[in-house]
Amino acid sequence: MRTTLLAASALALAIAAPLAHAHKAGDIIVRAGAVTVDPREDSSLLNLDGGNVPGTGATLNSDTQLGLNFAYMLTDKVGIELLAATPFTHEVGVKGVSAATGIPGLDGKLGEVTHLPPTLSAVVYPLDNNSAFQPYLGVGINYTVFFDEELTAERKGQQFSNLSLDSSWGLAFQVGADYMLTDNLMLNAQVRYIDISTDATVKGPGALGVQETKVSVDVDPMVYMVGLGYKF
């Protein structure tokens, strides 16, 4: 009888008190790891002094940096989260320009541009708080600032100059998951889609000499992060 009462008491306590693994209101979570920005760019045609040039476009490559993630739990289920990172650097290229202008050697890498994409999101954890595995969904807003636009030496020699990309505001969506290794330490993985659009300009050679070229690019990257987190 005594054993039965003890077992019943232990079961009641287990039901009443969530596991220490659960996120709770007031928790601060810091995550760090490798984050990759993989552009899925959709470029307009290059606009050369007021006219669109058929068959042309802009390209961007991916980059991986140190990702930082800070979250604050407003309730046991809802938090706010800030994505930060060390600056990303992407190669910027052009295609179809040689065929359009008749000037060989104009396609390929144009230069490099650096950007930061801070993203603030609201996140929801739908599972029971007793689970060590905590998937979550998020939606937020992104601000991407481009800077340090630098042309290659070869492009400068071809009379390209003044590469510039405008900053961008857009929505961001994410899915992620924490898996608690201890009461405080966790594994984390997350995937985001970020709406990034920019207008780029550069001065460069054309059929009539040096002209200004413009292009609109929907960068729209997928952002992947894997790392460790710590809950305070």
C-alpha atoms as a PDB file:
ATOM      1  CA  MET A   1       0.000   0.000   0.000  1.00  0.00           C
ATOM      2  CA  ARG A   2       2.793   2.392   0.962  1.00  0.00           C
ATOM      3  CA  THR A   3       4.623   1.589  -2.282  1.00  0.00           C
ATOM      4  CA  THR A   4       1.445   2.255  -4.259  1.00  0.00           C
ATOM      5  CA  LEU A   5       0.978   5.656  -2.543  1.00  0.00           C
ATOM      6  CA  LEU A   6       4.577   6.620  -3.265  1.00  0.00           C
ATOM      7  CA  ALA A   7       4.245   5.612  -6.903  1.00  0.00           C
ATOM      8  CA  ALA A   8       0.982   7.547  -7.234  1.00  0.00           C
ATOM      9  CA  SER A   9       2.570  10.607  -5.634  1.00  0.00           C
ATOM     10  CA  ALA A  10       5.564  10.448  -7.970  1.00  0.00           C
ATOM     11  CA  LEU A  11       3.253  10.119 -10.983  1.00  0.00           C
ATOM     12  CA  ALA A  12       1.196  13.102  -9.836  1.00  0.00           C
ATOM     13  CA  LEU A  13       4.328  15.225  -9.446  1.00  0.00           C
ATOM     14  CA  ALA A  14       5.566  14.191 -12.892  1.00  0.00           C
ATOM     15  CA  ILE A  15       2.234  15.208 -14.441  1.00  0.00           C
ATOM     16  CA  ALA A  16       2.057  18.500 -12.554  1.00  0.00           C
ATOM     17  CA  ALA A  17       5.649  19.613 -13.190  1.00  0.00           C
ATOM     18  CA  PRO A  18       6.988  19.860 -16.769  1.00  0.00           C
ATOM     19  CA  LEU A  19      10.424  18.523 -17.519  1.00  0.00           C
ATOM     20  CA  ALA A  20      13.359  20.889 -17.157  1.00  0.00           C
ATOM     21  CA  HIS A  21      13.937  20.434 -20.897  1.00  0.00           C
ATOM     22  CA  ALA A  22      10.925  22.571 -21.786  1.00  0.00           C
ATOM     23  CA  HIS A  23      11.296  26.206 -22.818  1.00  0.00           C
ATOM     24  CA  LYS A  24       9.539  28.531 -20.397  1.00  0.00           C
ATOM     25  CA  ALA A  25       8.431  32.146 -20.325  1.00  0.00           C
ATOM     26  CA  GLY A  26      11.414  34.366 -19.550  1.00  0.00           C
ATOM     27  CA  ASP A  27      14.033  31.993 -20.981  1.00  0.00           C
ATOM     28  CA  ILE A  28      16.841  33.564 -23.001  1.00  0.00           C
ATOM     29  CA  ILE A  29      18.277  31.312 -25.710  1.00  0.00           C
ATOM     30  CA  VAL A  30      21.569  31.986 -27.492  1.00  0.00           C
ATOM     31  CA  ARG A  31      22.491  29.894 -30.520  1.00  0.00           C
ATOM     32  CA  ALA A  32      25.621  29.854 -32.684  1.00  0.00           C
ATOM     33  CA  GLY A  33      26.665  27.815 -35.683  1.00  0.00           C
ATOM     34  CA  ALA A  34      27.292  27.728 -39.411  1.00  0.00           C
ATOM     35  CA  VAL A  35      24.762  29.653 -41.504  1.00  0.00           C
ATOM     36  CA  THR A  36      24.569  29.530 -45.301  1.00  0.00           C
ATOM     37  CA  VAL A  37      22.799  32.092 -47.474  1.00  0.00           C
ATOM     38  CA  ASP A  38      21.916  30.416 -50.778  1.00  0.00           C
ATOM     39  CA  PRO A  39      20.422  32.939 -53.253  1.00  0.00           C
ATOM     40  CA  ARG A  40      17.669  31.733 -55.579  1.00  0.00           C
ATOM     41  CA  GLU A  41      17.962  34.867 -57.673  1.00  0.00           C
ATOM     42  CA  ASP A  42      15.479  35.885 -60.320  1.00  0.00           C
ATOM     43  CA  SER A  43      16.999  38.716 -62.332  1.00  0.00           C
ATOM     44  CA  SER A  44      15.369  41.179 -64.688  1.00  0.00           C
ATOM     45  CA  LEU A  45      17.027  41.913 -68.006  1.00  0.00           C
ATOM     46  CA  LEU A  46      19.921  44.328 -67.802  1.00  0.00           C
ATOM     47  CA  ASN A  47      18.764  47.842 -68.599  1.00  0.00           C
ATOM     48  CA  LEU A  48      21.431  49.639 -70.609  1.00  0.00           C
ATOM     49  CA  ASP A  49      20.830  53.394 -70.728  1.00  0.00           C
ATOM     50  CA  GLY A  50      17.044  53.052 -70.750  1.00  0.00           C
ATOM     51  CA  GLY A  51      16.618  49.912 -72.856  1.00  0.00           C
ATOM     52  CA  ASN A  52      16.284  46.281 -71.735  1.00  0.00           C
ATOM     53  CA  VAL A  53      18.874  43.978 -73.296  1.00  0.00           C
ATOM     54  CA  PRO A  54      17.463  40.536 -74.280  1.00  0.00           C
ATOM     55  CA  GLY A  55      19.216  37.445 -72.945  1.00  0.00           C
ATOM     56  CA  THR A  56      21.044  39.245 -70.121  1.00  0.00           C
ATOM     57  CA  GLY A  57      20.848  38.977 -66.338  1.00  0.00           C
ATOM     58  CA  ALA A  58      22.705  39.069 -63.027  1.00  0.00           C
ATOM     59  CA  THR A  59      23.947  36.162 -60.888  1.00  0.00           C
ATOM     60  CA  LEU A  60      24.912  35.665 -57.213  1.00  0.00           C
ATOM     61  CA  ASN A  61      26.647  32.772 -55.468  1.00  0.00           C
ATOM     62  CA  SER A  62      26.148  31.391 -51.929  1.00  0.00           C
ATOM     63  CA  ASP A  63      28.262  31.994 -48.821  1.00  0.00           C
ATOM     64  CA  THR A  64      28.635  30.474 -45.339  1.00  0.00           C
ATOM     65  CA  GLN A  65      29.452  32.431 -42.198  1.00  0.00           C
ATOM     66  CA  LEU A  66      29.137  32.297 -38.395  1.00  0.00           C
ATOM     67  CA  GLY A  67      25.468  32.599 -37.495  1.00  0.00           C
ATOM     68  CA  LEU A  68      24.194  34.023 -34.210  1.00  0.00           C
ATOM     69  CA  ASN A  69      20.665  33.673 -32.943  1.00  0.00           C
ATOM     70  CA  PHE A  70      19.094  35.290 -29.890  1.00  0.00           C
ATOM     71  CA  ALA A  71      15.625  34.353 -28.598  1.00  0.00           C
ATOM     72  CA  TYR A  72      13.446  35.459 -25.683  1.00  0.00           C
ATOM     73  CA  MET A  73      10.430  33.406 -24.634  1.00  0.00           C
ATOM     74  CA  LEU A  74       7.408  35.650 -24.050  1.00  0.00           C
ATOM     75  CA  THR A  75       5.349  32.639 -22.941  1.00  0.00           C
ATOM     76  CA  ASP A  76       6.010  28.893 -22.733  1.00  0.00           C
ATOM     77  CA  LYS A  77       4.966  28.631 -26.408  1.00  0.00           C
ATOM     78  CA  VAL A  78       5.770  31.980 -28.051  1.00  0.00           C
ATOM     79  CA  GLY A  79       9.069  33.821 -28.381  1.00  0.00           C
ATOM     80  CA  ILE A  80      10.814  36.525 -30.353  1.00  0.00           C
ATOM     81  CA  GLU A  81      14.044  35.765 -32.182  1.00  0.00           C
ATOM     82  CA  LEU A  82      16.802  37.799 -33.834  1.00  0.00           C
ATOM     83  CA  LEU A  83      19.031  36.302 -36.527  1.00  0.00           C
ATOM     84  CA  ALA A  84      22.466  37.889 -36.857  1.00  0.00           C
ATOM     85  CA  ALA A  85      25.708  36.789 -38.504  1.00  0.00           C
ATOM     86  CA  THR A  86      29.157  37.834 -39.536  1.00  0.00           C
ATOM     87  CA  PRO A  87      28.979  39.612 -42.941  1.00  0.00           C
ATOM     88  CA  PHE A  88      28.267  37.528 -46.025  1.00  0.00           C
ATOM     89  CA  THR A  89      30.236  38.091 -49.241  1.00  0.00           C
ATOM     90  CA  HIS A  90      28.791  37.072 -52.601  1.00  0.00           C
ATOM     91  CA  GLU A  91      30.222  37.040 -56.093  1.00  0.00           C
ATOM     92  CA  VAL A  92      28.148  39.176 -58.467  1.00  0.00           C
ATOM     93  CA  GLY A  93      28.173  38.192 -62.121  1.00  0.00           C
ATOM     94  CA  VAL A  94      26.524  39.074 -65.416  1.00  0.00           C
ATOM     95  CA  LYS A  95      25.470  36.878 -68.310  1.00  0.00           C
ATOM     96  CA  GLY A  96      24.471  37.468 -71.922  1.00  0.00           C
ATOM     97  CA  VAL A  97      26.249  40.828 -72.167  1.00  0.00           C
ATOM     98  CA  SER A  98      28.884  39.783 -74.692  1.00  0.00           C
ATOM     99  CA  ALA A  99      26.286  38.418 -77.099  1.00  0.00           C
ATOM    100  CA  ALA A 100      24.124  41.535 -76.733  1.00  0.00           C
ATOM    101  CA  THR A 101      26.912  44.096 -77.182  1.00  0.00           C
ATOM    102  CA  GLY A 102      29.254  42.203 -79.457  1.00  0.00           C
ATOM    103  CA  ILE A 103      32.088  42.855 -77.007  1.00  0.00           C
ATOM    104  CA  PRO A 104      33.799  39.590 -75.930  1.00  0.00           C
ATOM    105  CA  GLY A 105      34.831  38.838 -72.341  1.00  0.00           C
ATOM    106  CA  LEU A 106      32.054  40.734 -70.547  1.00  0.00           C
ATOM    107  CA  ASP A 107      30.240  37.736 -69.047  1.00  0.00           C
ATOM    108  CA  GLY A 108      31.151  36.081 -65.731  1.00  0.00           C
ATOM    109  CA  LYS A 109      32.255  37.471 -62.386  1.00  0.00           C
ATOM    110  CA  LEU A 110      31.761  41.221 -62.074  1.00  0.00           C
ATOM    111  CA  GLY A 111      32.847  41.743 -58.476  1.00  0.00           C
ATOM    112  CA  GLU A 112      31.928  41.033 -54.872  1.00  0.00           C
ATOM    113  CA  VAL A 113      29.399  42.543 -52.500  1.00  0.00           C
ATOM    114  CA  THR A 114      29.052  42.176 -48.725  1.00  0.00           C
ATOM    115  CA  HIS A 115      25.754  42.216 -46.872  1.00  0.00           C
ATOM    116  CA  LEU A 116      24.151  41.749 -43.472  1.00  0.00           C
ATOM    117  CA  PRO A 117      20.591  40.364 -43.223  1.00  0.00           C
ATOM    118  CA  PRO A 118      19.341  40.914 -39.620  1.00  0.00           C
ATOM    119  CA  THR A 119      15.929  39.266 -39.219  1.00  0.00           C
ATOM    120  CA  LEU A 120      13.456  39.671 -36.337  1.00  0.00           C
ATOM    121  CA  SER A 121      10.799  36.961 -36.032  1.00  0.00           C
ATOM    122  CA  ALA A 122       7.971  35.747 -33.830  1.00  0.00           C
ATOM    123  CA  VAL A 123       8.284  31.992 -33.192  1.00  0.00           C
ATOM    124  CA  VAL A 124       5.764  29.420 -31.975  1.00  0.00           C
ATOM    125  CA  TYR A 125       6.567  26.050 -30.361  1.00  0.00           C
ATOM    126  CA  PRO A 126       3.521  23.793 -30.959  1.00  0.00           C
ATOM    127  CA  LEU A 127       4.540  20.623 -29.081  1.00  0.00           C
ATOM    128  CA  ASP A 128       3.971  19.733 -25.457  1.00  0.00           C
ATOM    129  CA  ASN A 129       6.481  21.427 -23.172  1.00  0.00           C
ATOM    130  CA  ASN A 130       7.568  18.077 -21.715  1.00  0.00           C
ATOM    131  CA  SER A 131       9.331  17.080 -24.931  1.00  0.00           C
ATOM    132  CA  ALA A 132      13.101  17.429 -25.282  1.00  0.00           C
ATOM    133  CA  PHE A 133      12.483  17.839 -29.030  1.00  0.00           C
ATOM    134  CA  GLN A 134      11.010  21.274 -29.709  1.00  0.00           C
ATOM    135  CA  PRO A 135      10.215  22.162 -33.334  1.00  0.00           C
ATOM    136  CA  TYR A 136       9.047  25.691 -34.048  1.00  0.00           C
ATOM    137  CA  LEU A 137       7.635  27.928 -36.773  1.00  0.00           C
ATOM    138  CA  GLY A 138       8.415  31.580 -37.296  1.00  0.00           C
ATOM    139  CA  VAL A 139       7.535  34.632 -39.366  1.00  0.00           C
ATOM    140  CA  GLY A 140       9.217  38.004 -39.277  1.00  0.00           C
ATOM    141  CA  ILE A 141      10.774  40.921 -41.078  1.00  0.00           C
ATOM    142  CA  ASN A 142      14.205  41.222 -42.667  1.00  0.00           C
ATOM    143  CA  TYR A 143      16.388  44.216 -43.419  1.00  0.00           C
ATOM    144  CA  THR A 144      19.347  43.551 -45.703  1.00  0.00           C
ATOM    145  CA  VAL A 145      22.036  46.168 -46.194  1.00  0.00           C
ATOM    146  CA  PHE A 146      24.624  45.813 -48.970  1.00  0.00           C
ATOM    147  CA  PHE A 147      28.053  47.419 -48.668  1.00  0.00           C
ATOM    148  CA  ASP A 148      31.690  47.102 -49.767  1.00  0.00           C
ATOM    149  CA  GLU A 149      30.707  46.612 -53.406  1.00  0.00           C
ATOM    150  CA  GLU A 150      34.027  45.906 -55.118  1.00  0.00           C
ATOM    151  CA  LEU A 151      34.722  45.231 -58.785  1.00  0.00           C
ATOM    152  CA  THR A 152      37.469  42.846 -59.841  1.00  0.00           C
ATOM    153  CA  ALA A 153      40.696  44.303 -61.210  1.00  0.00           C
ATOM    154  CA  GLU A 154      39.853  42.798 -64.597  1.00  0.00           C
ATOM    155  CA  ARG A 155      36.484  44.553 -64.670  1.00  0.00           C
ATOM    156  CA  LYS A 156      38.038  47.869 -63.708  1.00  0.00           C
ATOM    157  CA  GLY A 157      40.408  47.389 -66.620  1.00  0.00           C
ATOM    158  CA  GLN A 158      37.364  46.890 -68.863  1.00  0.00           C
ATOM    159  CA  GLN A 159      36.018  50.312 -67.759  1.00  0.00           C
ATOM    160  CA  PHE A 160      33.440  48.991 -65.268  1.00  0.00           C
ATOM    161  CA  SER A 161      32.935  51.262 -62.225  1.00  0.00           C
ATOM    162  CA  ASN A 162      30.508  52.388 -59.512  1.00  0.00           C
ATOM    163  CA  LEU A 163      28.900  49.043 -58.587  1.00  0.00           C
ATOM    164  CA  SER A 164      26.056  49.684 -56.122  1.00  0.00           C
ATOM    165  CA  LEU A 165      23.181  47.629 -54.618  1.00  0.00           C
ATOM    166  CA  ASP A 166      20.190  49.096 -52.761  1.00  0.00           C
ATOM    167  CA  SER A 167      19.137  47.901 -49.306  1.00  0.00           C
ATOM    168  CA  SER A 168      16.031  45.739 -48.927  1.00  0.00           C
ATOM    169  CA  TRP A 169      13.066  45.187 -46.577  1.00  0.00           C
ATOM    170  CA  GLY A 170      11.095  41.932 -46.795  1.00  0.00           C
ATOM    171  CA  LEU A 171       9.275  39.132 -45.002  1.00  0.00           C
ATOM    172  CA  ALA A 172      11.001  36.032 -43.621  1.00  0.00           C
ATOM    173  CA  PHE A 173       9.607  32.576 -42.844  1.00  0.00           C
ATOM    174  CA  GLN A 174      11.293  29.775 -40.936  1.00  0.00           C
ATOM    175  CA  VAL A 175      11.037  26.284 -39.545  1.00  0.00           C
ATOM    176  CA  GLY A 176      13.455  25.050 -36.911  1.00  0.00           C
ATOM    177  CA  ALA A 177      13.969  22.630 -34.056  1.00  0.00           C
ATOM    178  CA  ASP A 178      15.814  22.451 -30.754  1.00  0.00           C
ATOM    179  CA  TYR A 179      16.848  19.154 -29.231  1.00  0.00           C
ATOM    180  CA  MET A 180      17.852  19.440 -25.570  1.00  0.00           C
ATOM    181  CA  LEU A 181      21.078  17.615 -24.695  1.00  0.00           C
ATOM    182  CA  THR A 182      20.966  18.828 -21.084  1.00  0.00           C
ATOM    183  CA  ASP A 183      18.701  21.194 -19.163  1.00  0.00           C
ATOM    184  CA  ASN A 184      20.487  24.108 -20.829  1.00  0.00           C
ATOM    185  CA  LEU A 185      22.461  22.869 -23.849  1.00  0.00           C
ATOM    186  CA  MET A 186      20.724  22.095 -27.136  1.00  0.00           C
ATOM    187  CA  LEU A 187      21.274  21.171 -30.754  1.00  0.00           C
ATOM    188  CA  ASN A 188      19.562  23.474 -33.229  1.00  0.00           C
ATOM    189  CA  ALA A 189      18.726  23.381 -36.925  1.00  0.00           C
ATOM    190  CA  GLN A 190      16.712  25.918 -38.878  1.00  0.00           C
ATOM    191  CA  VAL A 191      15.715  26.760 -42.441  1.00  0.00           C
ATOM    192  CA  ARG A 192      14.490  30.178 -43.585  1.00  0.00           C
ATOM    193  CA  TYR A 193      13.150  31.770 -46.717  1.00  0.00           C
ATOM    194  CA  ILE A 194      13.878  35.500 -46.867  1.00  0.00           C
ATOM    195  CA  ASP A 195      12.343  37.941 -49.328  1.00  0.00           C
ATOM    196  CA  ILE A 196      15.274  40.102 -50.491  1.00  0.00           C
ATOM    197  CA  SER A 197      14.980  42.357 -53.547  1.00  0.00           C
ATOM    198  CA  THR A 198      17.538  44.883 -54.719  1.00  0.00           C
ATOM    199  CA  ASP A 199      18.233  47.253 -57.596  1.00  0.00           C
ATOM    200  CA  ALA A 200      21.846  47.178 -58.779  1.00  0.00           C
ATOM    201  CA  THR A 201      23.667  49.669 -60.957  1.00  0.00           C
ATOM    202  CA  VAL A 202      27.104  49.668 -62.562  1.00  0.00           C
ATOM    203  CA  LYS A 203      28.824  51.715 -65.206  1.00  0.00           C
ATOM    204  CA  GLY A 204      30.425  49.645 -67.943  1.00  0.00           C
ATOM    205  CA  PRO A 205      31.232  49.245 -71.612  1.00  0.00           C
ATOM    206  CA  GLY A 206      28.474  49.209 -74.185  1.00  0.00           C
ATOM    207  CA  ALA A 207      28.170  49.488 -77.928  1.00  0.00           C
ATOM    208  CA  LEU A 208      28.372  53.292 -77.602  1.00  0.00           C
ATOM    209  CA  GLY A 209      31.116  53.431 -74.957  1.00  0.00           C
ATOM    210  CA  VAL A 210      30.818  53.556 -71.143  1.00  0.00           C
ATOM    211  CA  GLN A 211      27.136  53.470 -70.133  1.00  0.00           C
ATOM    212  CA  GLU A 212      25.123  52.911 -66.942  1.00  0.00           C
ATOM    213  CA  THR A 213      23.555  49.480 -66.558  1.00  0.00           C
ATOM    214  CA  LYS A 214      20.691  48.733 -64.145  1.00  0.00           C
ATOM    215  CA  VAL A 215      19.126  45.455 -63.059  1.00  0.00           C
ATOM    216  CA  SER A 216      16.502  44.400 -60.506  1.00  0.00           C
ATOM    217  CA  VAL A 217      17.221  41.153 -58.676  1.00  0.00           C
ATOM    218  CA  ASP A 218      14.923  39.112 -56.434  1.00  0.00           C
ATOM    219  CA  VAL A 219      17.630  37.434 -54.347  1.00  0.00           C
ATOM    220  CA  ASP A 220      15.124  35.422 -52.239  1.00  0.00           C
ATOM    221  CA  PRO A 221      17.660  33.138 -50.543  1.00  0.00           C
ATOM    222  CA  MET A 222      17.145  29.962 -48.584  1.00  0.00           C
ATOM    223  CA  VAL A 223      19.075  30.299 -45.322  1.00  0.00           C
ATOM    224  CA  TYR A 224      20.299  27.177 -43.515  1.00  0.00           C
ATOM    225  CA  MET A 225      21.771  27.103 -40.005  1.00  0.00           C
ATOM    226  CA  VAL A 226      23.048  24.252 -37.822  1.00  0.00           C
ATOM    227  CA  GLY A 227      24.619  24.816 -34.424  1.00  0.00           C
ATOM    228  CA  LEU A 228      24.452  24.660 -30.654  1.00  0.00           C
ATOM    229  CA  GLY A 229      22.305  26.686 -28.290  1.00  0.00           C
ATOM    230  CA  TYR A 230      22.354  27.532 -24.600  1.00  0.00           C
ATOM    231  CA  LYS A 231      19.352  28.472 -22.493  1.00  0.00           C
ATOM    232  CA  PHE A 232      19.678  30.910 -19.602  1.00  0.00           C
END
